[in-house]
Amino acid sequence: MPPVSDSPTKAIAAPERSLVQRMEALQRANDIRSRRAQLKRDLKAGRQAIHELLLDPPEYLETAKVFDLMLAVPKYGRVKVNKILSTCRISPSKTIGGLSQRQRTELVELMRRR
């Protein structure tokens, strides 16, 4: 039996990043945020269909929440979105990239019926 140590376990910290790396990450994050904001405006205005985004999402949309994206669609409020997500057995905190193929197709089929 190994001896028990009284010393506290060391927490593993995130690696240090240089100023250039941090600025690049910040630029990528800002780019993703602005692209998502434009996409939501397009959804609201009816210039973009949510069905194709759910079936084949662009890379910048992979980490977005399904719930937030669906709220941008006209005539879809919190109650309707929650009802659809629970029918498809999808958590409101699920990301677009985290959806399985079954969830994607079931969600699109259900939204096309409404």
N, C-alpha and C. Protein backbone atom coordinates (compact mmCIF):
# COMPACT_ATOMS: atom_id res chain seq x y z
N MET A 1 0.86 -1.17 0.00
CA MET A 1 0.00 0.00 0.00
C MET A 1 0.90 1.24 0.00
N PRO A 2 0.67 2.17 -0.94
CA PRO A 2 1.53 3.35 -1.02
C PRO A 2 1.27 4.30 0.15
N PRO A 3 2.28 5.03 0.56
CA PRO A 3 2.10 5.97 1.67
C PRO A 3 1.18 7.13 1.26
N VAL A 4 0.40 7.59 2.20
CA VAL A 4 -0.52 8.70 1.96
C VAL A 4 0.24 10.01 2.11
N SER A 5 0.08 10.89 1.18
CA SER A 5 0.79 12.16 1.19
C SER A 5 -0.10 13.24 1.79
N ASP A 6 0.48 14.11 2.59
CA ASP A 6 -0.27 15.20 3.19
C ASP A 6 -0.25 16.46 2.33
N SER A 7 0.54 16.46 1.27
CA SER A 7 0.63 17.67 0.44
C SER A 7 -0.61 17.79 -0.45
N PRO A 8 -1.09 19.02 -0.64
CA PRO A 8 -2.27 19.22 -1.50
C PRO A 8 -1.94 18.92 -2.96
N THR A 9 -2.93 18.50 -3.69
CA THR A 9 -2.72 18.20 -5.11
C THR A 9 -2.55 19.51 -5.87
N LYS A 10 -1.64 19.50 -6.83
CA LYS A 10 -1.40 20.70 -7.61
C LYS A 10 -2.46 20.82 -8.70
N ALA A 11 -2.99 22.00 -8.84
CA ALA A 11 -3.96 22.26 -9.91
C ALA A 11 -3.20 22.48 -11.21
N ILE A 12 -3.71 21.92 -12.26
CA ILE A 12 -3.07 22.08 -13.57
C ILE A 12 -3.63 23.35 -14.21
N ALA A 13 -2.76 24.30 -14.46
CA ALA A 13 -3.18 25.57 -15.04
C ALA A 13 -3.14 25.51 -16.56
N ALA A 14 -3.89 26.38 -17.16
CA ALA A 14 -3.88 26.49 -18.62
C ALA A 14 -2.51 27.00 -19.06
N PRO A 15 -2.07 26.57 -20.22
CA PRO A 15 -0.76 27.02 -20.67
C PRO A 15 -0.74 28.53 -20.90
N GLU A 16 0.40 29.12 -20.62
CA GLU A 16 0.56 30.55 -20.86
C GLU A 16 0.53 30.83 -22.35
N ARG A 17 -0.11 31.91 -22.73
CA ARG A 17 -0.18 32.29 -24.14
C ARG A 17 0.52 33.62 -24.33
N SER A 18 1.13 33.76 -25.47
CA SER A 18 1.80 35.02 -25.76
C SER A 18 0.75 36.06 -26.13
N LEU A 19 1.18 37.31 -26.17
CA LEU A 19 0.28 38.39 -26.52
C LEU A 19 -0.28 38.19 -27.94
N VAL A 20 0.54 37.74 -28.84
CA VAL A 20 0.11 37.50 -30.22
C VAL A 20 -0.96 36.41 -30.25
N GLN A 21 -0.75 35.33 -29.52
CA GLN A 21 -1.73 34.24 -29.48
C GLN A 21 -3.05 34.71 -28.90
N ARG A 22 -2.98 35.52 -27.83
CA ARG A 22 -4.21 36.03 -27.22
C ARG A 22 -4.95 36.96 -28.17
N MET A 23 -4.22 37.79 -28.90
CA MET A 23 -4.85 38.71 -29.83
C MET A 23 -5.49 37.96 -31.01
N GLU A 24 -4.83 36.90 -31.47
CA GLU A 24 -5.41 36.08 -32.55
C GLU A 24 -6.69 35.40 -32.09
N ALA A 25 -6.67 34.88 -30.86
CA ALA A 25 -7.87 34.22 -30.31
C ALA A 25 -9.00 35.23 -30.15
N LEU A 26 -8.68 36.42 -29.71
CA LEU A 26 -9.68 37.47 -29.55
C LEU A 26 -10.27 37.86 -30.91
N GLN A 27 -9.42 37.96 -31.92
CA GLN A 27 -9.88 38.29 -33.27
C GLN A 27 -10.81 37.21 -33.81
N ARG A 28 -10.44 35.92 -33.60
CA ARG A 28 -11.30 34.81 -34.05
C ARG A 28 -12.65 34.86 -33.35
N ALA A 29 -12.63 35.10 -32.04
CA ALA A 29 -13.88 35.16 -31.27
C ALA A 29 -14.76 36.31 -31.73
N ASN A 30 -14.17 37.46 -31.99
CA ASN A 30 -14.95 38.60 -32.49
C ASN A 30 -15.54 38.32 -33.86
N ASP A 31 -14.77 37.66 -34.71
CA ASP A 31 -15.24 37.30 -36.04
C ASP A 31 -16.45 36.35 -35.95
N ILE A 32 -16.33 35.35 -35.09
CA ILE A 32 -17.43 34.39 -34.91
C ILE A 32 -18.67 35.09 -34.38
N ARG A 33 -18.51 35.98 -33.40
CA ARG A 33 -19.65 36.70 -32.84
C ARG A 33 -20.34 37.56 -33.88
N SER A 34 -19.56 38.27 -34.69
CA SER A 34 -20.18 39.15 -35.70
C SER A 34 -20.87 38.32 -36.79
N ARG A 35 -20.29 37.19 -37.18
CA ARG A 35 -20.93 36.34 -38.19
C ARG A 35 -22.23 35.75 -37.67
N ARG A 36 -22.23 35.33 -36.39
CA ARG A 36 -23.46 34.80 -35.80
C ARG A 36 -24.53 35.87 -35.70
N ALA A 37 -24.14 37.08 -35.33
CA ALA A 37 -25.11 38.18 -35.22
C ALA A 37 -25.74 38.46 -36.58
N GLN A 38 -24.92 38.47 -37.63
CA GLN A 38 -25.45 38.70 -38.97
C GLN A 38 -26.39 37.56 -39.38
N LEU A 39 -26.01 36.34 -39.04
CA LEU A 39 -26.84 35.19 -39.35
C LEU A 39 -28.20 35.29 -38.66
N LYS A 40 -28.21 35.70 -37.40
CA LYS A 40 -29.47 35.85 -36.68
C LYS A 40 -30.34 36.94 -37.30
N ARG A 41 -29.71 38.02 -37.76
CA ARG A 41 -30.48 39.06 -38.45
C ARG A 41 -31.07 38.52 -39.75
N ASP A 42 -30.29 37.71 -40.47
CA ASP A 42 -30.78 37.10 -41.71
C ASP A 42 -31.93 36.14 -41.44
N LEU A 43 -31.84 35.37 -40.36
CA LEU A 43 -32.93 34.46 -39.99
C LEU A 43 -34.20 35.25 -39.67
N LYS A 44 -34.06 36.31 -38.89
CA LYS A 44 -35.20 37.13 -38.52
C LYS A 44 -35.86 37.76 -39.74
N ALA A 45 -35.05 38.18 -40.71
CA ALA A 45 -35.58 38.83 -41.90
C ALA A 45 -36.07 37.83 -42.95
N GLY A 46 -35.82 36.54 -42.73
CA GLY A 46 -36.27 35.52 -43.68
C GLY A 46 -35.34 35.33 -44.86
N ARG A 47 -34.13 35.89 -44.80
CA ARG A 47 -33.17 35.74 -45.90
C ARG A 47 -32.42 34.41 -45.82
N GLN A 48 -32.50 33.74 -44.69
CA GLN A 48 -31.78 32.48 -44.48
C GLN A 48 -32.75 31.48 -43.86
N ALA A 49 -32.70 30.23 -44.32
CA ALA A 49 -33.55 29.17 -43.76
C ALA A 49 -32.77 28.42 -42.69
N ILE A 50 -33.43 28.16 -41.58
CA ILE A 50 -32.76 27.47 -40.48
C ILE A 50 -32.53 26.00 -40.80
N HIS A 51 -33.36 25.42 -41.69
CA HIS A 51 -33.26 23.99 -41.98
C HIS A 51 -31.88 23.62 -42.52
N GLU A 52 -31.38 24.37 -43.47
CA GLU A 52 -30.07 24.03 -44.05
C GLU A 52 -28.94 24.28 -43.05
N LEU A 53 -29.12 25.24 -42.15
CA LEU A 53 -28.10 25.50 -41.13
C LEU A 53 -28.02 24.36 -40.13
N LEU A 54 -29.16 23.79 -39.80
CA LEU A 54 -29.16 22.67 -38.84
C LEU A 54 -28.59 21.40 -39.47
N LEU A 55 -28.92 21.17 -40.74
CA LEU A 55 -28.45 19.95 -41.40
C LEU A 55 -26.97 20.02 -41.75
N ASP A 56 -26.50 21.18 -42.18
CA ASP A 56 -25.10 21.33 -42.57
C ASP A 56 -24.57 22.67 -42.06
N PRO A 57 -24.25 22.74 -40.77
CA PRO A 57 -23.86 24.04 -40.19
C PRO A 57 -22.45 24.46 -40.60
N PRO A 58 -22.26 25.77 -40.83
CA PRO A 58 -20.91 26.27 -41.07
C PRO A 58 -20.08 26.15 -39.79
N GLU A 59 -18.78 26.19 -39.92
CA GLU A 59 -17.88 25.97 -38.78
C GLU A 59 -18.11 26.97 -37.65
N TYR A 60 -18.38 28.22 -37.97
CA TYR A 60 -18.54 29.24 -36.93
C TYR A 60 -19.82 29.05 -36.12
N LEU A 61 -20.69 28.17 -36.56
CA LEU A 61 -21.95 27.93 -35.88
C LEU A 61 -21.91 26.68 -34.99
N GLU A 62 -20.85 25.91 -35.08
CA GLU A 62 -20.75 24.64 -34.35
C GLU A 62 -20.93 24.80 -32.84
N THR A 63 -20.43 25.88 -32.25
CA THR A 63 -20.48 26.04 -30.79
C THR A 63 -21.66 26.89 -30.33
N ALA A 64 -22.53 27.30 -31.25
CA ALA A 64 -23.71 28.08 -30.88
C ALA A 64 -24.78 27.16 -30.30
N LYS A 65 -25.58 27.68 -29.41
CA LYS A 65 -26.66 26.91 -28.81
C LYS A 65 -27.84 26.80 -29.78
N VAL A 66 -28.41 25.60 -29.86
CA VAL A 66 -29.57 25.36 -30.74
C VAL A 66 -30.72 26.27 -30.31
N PHE A 67 -30.93 26.40 -29.02
CA PHE A 67 -32.02 27.21 -28.46
C PHE A 67 -31.91 28.65 -28.96
N ASP A 68 -30.72 29.24 -28.87
CA ASP A 68 -30.53 30.64 -29.27
C ASP A 68 -30.77 30.83 -30.76
N LEU A 69 -30.32 29.88 -31.55
CA LEU A 69 -30.50 29.99 -33.00
C LEU A 69 -31.99 29.90 -33.37
N MET A 70 -32.71 29.00 -32.71
CA MET A 70 -34.13 28.84 -33.01
C MET A 70 -34.94 30.06 -32.59
N LEU A 71 -34.50 30.75 -31.54
CA LEU A 71 -35.20 31.95 -31.10
C LEU A 71 -35.13 33.07 -32.14
N ALA A 72 -34.14 33.03 -33.00
CA ALA A 72 -33.98 34.06 -34.02
C ALA A 72 -34.96 33.88 -35.18
N VAL A 73 -35.60 32.71 -35.26
CA VAL A 73 -36.55 32.44 -36.34
C VAL A 73 -37.89 33.12 -36.00
N PRO A 74 -38.48 33.83 -36.98
CA PRO A 74 -39.77 34.48 -36.72
C PRO A 74 -40.84 33.47 -36.29
N LYS A 75 -41.69 33.89 -35.38
CA LYS A 75 -42.80 33.09 -34.83
C LYS A 75 -42.35 31.94 -33.93
N TYR A 76 -41.09 31.95 -33.52
CA TYR A 76 -40.59 30.95 -32.58
C TYR A 76 -40.15 31.65 -31.31
N GLY A 77 -40.95 31.47 -30.25
CA GLY A 77 -40.62 32.05 -28.96
C GLY A 77 -40.07 30.97 -28.03
N ARG A 78 -39.85 31.35 -26.80
CA ARG A 78 -39.27 30.43 -25.82
C ARG A 78 -40.13 29.18 -25.60
N VAL A 79 -41.44 29.36 -25.52
CA VAL A 79 -42.33 28.23 -25.25
C VAL A 79 -42.31 27.23 -26.41
N LYS A 80 -42.45 27.74 -27.63
CA LYS A 80 -42.47 26.85 -28.79
C LYS A 80 -41.13 26.15 -28.97
N VAL A 81 -40.03 26.89 -28.79
CA VAL A 81 -38.70 26.30 -28.94
C VAL A 81 -38.47 25.21 -27.89
N ASN A 82 -38.84 25.49 -26.65
CA ASN A 82 -38.69 24.48 -25.59
C ASN A 82 -39.53 23.24 -25.87
N LYS A 83 -40.74 23.45 -26.39
CA LYS A 83 -41.62 22.32 -26.71
C LYS A 83 -41.01 21.45 -27.81
N ILE A 84 -40.49 22.09 -28.85
CA ILE A 84 -39.88 21.35 -29.96
C ILE A 84 -38.65 20.59 -29.49
N LEU A 85 -37.81 21.26 -28.71
CA LEU A 85 -36.59 20.61 -28.23
C LEU A 85 -36.90 19.43 -27.32
N SER A 86 -37.91 19.57 -26.46
CA SER A 86 -38.24 18.44 -25.58
C SER A 86 -38.86 17.29 -26.37
N THR A 87 -39.63 17.59 -27.42
CA THR A 87 -40.19 16.55 -28.28
C THR A 87 -39.07 15.76 -28.96
N CYS A 88 -38.01 16.46 -29.37
CA CYS A 88 -36.88 15.80 -30.05
C CYS A 88 -35.85 15.26 -29.05
N ARG A 89 -36.13 15.40 -27.76
CA ARG A 89 -35.20 14.95 -26.71
C ARG A 89 -33.83 15.62 -26.84
N ILE A 90 -33.86 16.95 -26.98
CA ILE A 90 -32.64 17.74 -27.10
C ILE A 90 -32.61 18.73 -25.94
N SER A 91 -31.49 18.79 -25.25
CA SER A 91 -31.32 19.73 -24.15
C SER A 91 -31.23 21.16 -24.69
N PRO A 92 -31.84 22.14 -24.01
CA PRO A 92 -31.75 23.53 -24.47
C PRO A 92 -30.30 24.06 -24.48
N SER A 93 -29.42 23.43 -23.74
CA SER A 93 -28.03 23.89 -23.71
C SER A 93 -27.16 23.20 -24.76
N LYS A 94 -27.76 22.34 -25.57
CA LYS A 94 -27.01 21.61 -26.60
C LYS A 94 -26.51 22.56 -27.68
N THR A 95 -25.30 22.32 -28.17
CA THR A 95 -24.76 23.15 -29.25
C THR A 95 -25.11 22.52 -30.60
N ILE A 96 -25.03 23.33 -31.64
CA ILE A 96 -25.33 22.86 -33.00
C ILE A 96 -24.39 21.72 -33.37
N GLY A 97 -23.13 21.87 -33.05
CA GLY A 97 -22.14 20.84 -33.38
C GLY A 97 -22.32 19.57 -32.57
N GLY A 98 -22.99 19.66 -31.44
CA GLY A 98 -23.19 18.51 -30.57
C GLY A 98 -24.41 17.67 -30.91
N LEU A 99 -25.18 18.10 -31.90
CA LEU A 99 -26.37 17.34 -32.30
C LEU A 99 -25.98 16.09 -33.08
N SER A 100 -26.69 15.01 -32.81
CA SER A 100 -26.48 13.79 -33.61
C SER A 100 -27.26 13.94 -34.92
N GLN A 101 -26.98 13.07 -35.86
CA GLN A 101 -27.68 13.12 -37.14
C GLN A 101 -29.18 12.88 -36.94
N ARG A 102 -29.54 11.96 -36.04
CA ARG A 102 -30.94 11.71 -35.74
C ARG A 102 -31.61 12.98 -35.21
N GLN A 103 -30.95 13.66 -34.28
CA GLN A 103 -31.52 14.87 -33.70
C GLN A 103 -31.69 15.96 -34.76
N ARG A 104 -30.70 16.08 -35.64
CA ARG A 104 -30.77 17.10 -36.70
C ARG A 104 -31.98 16.87 -37.60
N THR A 105 -32.11 15.64 -38.11
CA THR A 105 -33.20 15.35 -39.04
C THR A 105 -34.56 15.44 -38.36
N GLU A 106 -34.65 14.95 -37.13
CA GLU A 106 -35.92 15.01 -36.39
C GLU A 106 -36.32 16.47 -36.12
N LEU A 107 -35.36 17.29 -35.78
CA LEU A 107 -35.61 18.70 -35.51
C LEU A 107 -36.07 19.41 -36.79
N VAL A 108 -35.40 19.18 -37.88
CA VAL A 108 -35.78 19.83 -39.15
C VAL A 108 -37.17 19.38 -39.59
N GLU A 109 -37.46 18.08 -39.50
CA GLU A 109 -38.78 17.57 -39.88
C GLU A 109 -39.88 18.20 -39.03
N LEU A 110 -39.64 18.31 -37.75
CA LEU A 110 -40.64 18.89 -36.86
C LEU A 110 -40.84 20.38 -37.14
N MET A 111 -39.78 21.08 -37.45
CA MET A 111 -39.89 22.52 -37.74
C MET A 111 -40.57 22.76 -39.10
N ARG A 112 -40.38 21.88 -40.04
CA ARG A 112 -41.03 22.04 -41.34
C ARG A 112 -42.53 21.85 -41.25
N ARG A 113 -42.98 21.04 -40.29
CA ARG A 113 -44.42 20.80 -40.11
C ARG A 113 -45.14 21.99 -39.49
N ARG A 114 -44.41 22.83 -38.77
CA ARG A 114 -45.06 23.94 -38.05
C ARG A 114 -45.06 25.21 -38.84
